[in-house]
Amino acid sequence: MGVAEKSAEAAASYVSMEAEIPEVLYRGMKDFIGEHPHWDQYRVMSSALAHFLFQNGCEDRAVTERYLNDLFSRRDP
């Protein structure tokens, strides 16, 4: 597989998403990211989505791995 094919495959594994969320959730996410600089909005949303899918019966291995990795990752001191 060539470099261009690998790049296209990697790009296909991500989906750009735009969503409106309630102001209270936005402020909560903004405050959390401010207190935990190793997190960003993409990691927060990805983690939240994996958590939701796992808790609601999704059996995809990648979703389960993401959920468990976030659940057991070390947090800021």
C-alpha atoms as a PDB file:
ATOM      1  CA  MET A   1       0.000   0.000   0.000  1.00  0.00           C
ATOM      2  CA  GLY A   2       1.440   3.359  -1.030  1.00  0.00           C
ATOM      3  CA  VAL A   3       1.661   6.540   1.004  1.00  0.00           C
ATOM      4  CA  ALA A   4      -1.312   8.110  -0.795  1.00  0.00           C
ATOM      5  CA  GLU A   5      -3.451   5.019  -0.171  1.00  0.00           C
ATOM      6  CA  LYS A   6      -2.513   4.958   3.538  1.00  0.00           C
ATOM      7  CA  SER A   7      -3.312   8.658   3.841  1.00  0.00           C
ATOM      8  CA  ALA A   8      -6.700   8.186   2.164  1.00  0.00           C
ATOM      9  CA  GLU A   9      -7.462   5.211   4.413  1.00  0.00           C
ATOM     10  CA  ALA A  10      -6.526   7.190   7.546  1.00  0.00           C
ATOM     11  CA  ALA A  11      -8.665  10.139   6.446  1.00  0.00           C
ATOM     12  CA  ALA A  12     -11.610   7.800   5.838  1.00  0.00           C
ATOM     13  CA  SER A  13     -11.452   6.600   9.451  1.00  0.00           C
ATOM     14  CA  TYR A  14     -12.469  10.047  10.763  1.00  0.00           C
ATOM     15  CA  VAL A  15     -15.791  11.795  10.312  1.00  0.00           C
ATOM     16  CA  SER A  16     -16.091  15.529  10.664  1.00  0.00           C
ATOM     17  CA  MET A  17     -19.088  16.422  12.791  1.00  0.00           C
ATOM     18  CA  GLU A  18     -20.809  19.665  13.614  1.00  0.00           C
ATOM     19  CA  ALA A  19     -23.377  19.710  16.394  1.00  0.00           C
ATOM     20  CA  GLU A  20     -25.226  22.237  18.472  1.00  0.00           C
ATOM     21  CA  ILE A  21     -25.138  21.538  22.190  1.00  0.00           C
ATOM     22  CA  PRO A  22     -26.826  23.288  25.101  1.00  0.00           C
ATOM     23  CA  GLU A  23     -24.865  26.209  26.548  1.00  0.00           C
ATOM     24  CA  VAL A  24     -24.518  24.468  29.922  1.00  0.00           C
ATOM     25  CA  LEU A  25     -22.753  21.501  28.279  1.00  0.00           C
ATOM     26  CA  TYR A  26     -20.489  23.812  26.308  1.00  0.00           C
ATOM     27  CA  ARG A  27     -19.484  25.691  29.462  1.00  0.00           C
ATOM     28  CA  GLY A  28     -18.893  22.425  31.299  1.00  0.00           C
ATOM     29  CA  MET A  29     -16.679  21.129  28.479  1.00  0.00           C
ATOM     30  CA  LYS A  30     -14.802  24.449  28.286  1.00  0.00           C
ATOM     31  CA  ASP A  31     -14.193  24.446  32.059  1.00  0.00           C
ATOM     32  CA  PHE A  32     -13.068  20.801  32.008  1.00  0.00           C
ATOM     33  CA  ILE A  33     -10.611  21.419  29.158  1.00  0.00           C
ATOM     34  CA  GLY A  34      -9.282  24.484  30.984  1.00  0.00           C
ATOM     35  CA  GLU A  35      -8.549  22.351  34.052  1.00  0.00           C
ATOM     36  CA  HIS A  36      -7.194  19.357  32.064  1.00  0.00           C
ATOM     37  CA  PRO A  37      -4.901  20.698  29.326  1.00  0.00           C
ATOM     38  CA  HIS A  38      -4.103  17.240  27.917  1.00  0.00           C
ATOM     39  CA  TRP A  39      -7.762  17.005  26.810  1.00  0.00           C
ATOM     40  CA  ASP A  40      -9.241  18.918  23.866  1.00  0.00           C
ATOM     41  CA  GLN A  41     -12.757  19.217  22.483  1.00  0.00           C
ATOM     42  CA  TYR A  42     -12.199  16.337  20.073  1.00  0.00           C
ATOM     43  CA  ARG A  43     -11.011  13.962  22.773  1.00  0.00           C
ATOM     44  CA  VAL A  44     -13.883  14.946  25.080  1.00  0.00           C
ATOM     45  CA  MET A  45     -16.519  14.403  22.384  1.00  0.00           C
ATOM     46  CA  SER A  46     -14.954  11.142  21.215  1.00  0.00           C
ATOM     47  CA  SER A  47     -14.786   9.843  24.764  1.00  0.00           C
ATOM     48  CA  ALA A  48     -18.373  10.878  25.488  1.00  0.00           C
ATOM     49  CA  LEU A  49     -19.636   9.225  22.313  1.00  0.00           C
ATOM     50  CA  ALA A  50     -17.731   5.993  23.024  1.00  0.00           C
ATOM     51  CA  HIS A  51     -19.149   5.991  26.564  1.00  0.00           C
ATOM     52  CA  PHE A  52     -22.702   6.494  25.289  1.00  0.00           C
ATOM     53  CA  LEU A  53     -22.403   3.789  22.616  1.00  0.00           C
ATOM     54  CA  PHE A  54     -20.828   1.258  24.989  1.00  0.00           C
ATOM     55  CA  GLN A  55     -23.386   1.901  27.724  1.00  0.00           C
ATOM     56  CA  ASN A  56     -26.195   1.444  25.197  1.00  0.00           C
ATOM     57  CA  GLY A  57     -25.117  -1.938  23.863  1.00  0.00           C
ATOM     58  CA  CYS A  58     -22.713  -1.211  21.009  1.00  0.00           C
ATOM     59  CA  GLU A  59     -20.571  -4.312  20.569  1.00  0.00           C
ATOM     60  CA  ASP A  60     -17.974  -2.865  18.190  1.00  0.00           C
ATOM     61  CA  ARG A  61     -14.528  -3.776  19.522  1.00  0.00           C
ATOM     62  CA  ALA A  62     -13.016  -0.375  18.664  1.00  0.00           C
ATOM     63  CA  VAL A  63     -15.757   1.425  20.608  1.00  0.00           C
ATOM     64  CA  THR A  64     -15.236  -0.874  23.596  1.00  0.00           C
ATOM     65  CA  GLU A  65     -11.462  -0.317  23.484  1.00  0.00           C
ATOM     66  CA  ARG A  66     -11.903   3.456  23.334  1.00  0.00           C
ATOM     67  CA  TYR A  67     -14.339   3.375  26.238  1.00  0.00           C
ATOM     68  CA  LEU A  68     -12.063   1.217  28.400  1.00  0.00           C
ATOM     69  CA  ASN A  69      -8.924   3.186  27.495  1.00  0.00           C
ATOM     70  CA  ASP A  70     -10.596   6.433  28.554  1.00  0.00           C
ATOM     71  CA  LEU A  71     -12.073   4.810  31.672  1.00  0.00           C
ATOM     72  CA  PHE A  72      -8.687   3.575  32.912  1.00  0.00           C
ATOM     73  CA  SER A  73      -6.389   6.325  31.603  1.00  0.00           C
ATOM     74  CA  ARG A  74      -4.429   8.290  34.166  1.00  0.00           C
ATOM     75  CA  ARG A  75      -5.835  11.695  34.969  1.00  0.00           C
ATOM     76  CA  ASP A  76      -4.084  14.944  35.841  1.00  0.00           C
ATOM     77  CA  PRO A  77      -2.809  15.116  39.420  1.00  0.00           C
END
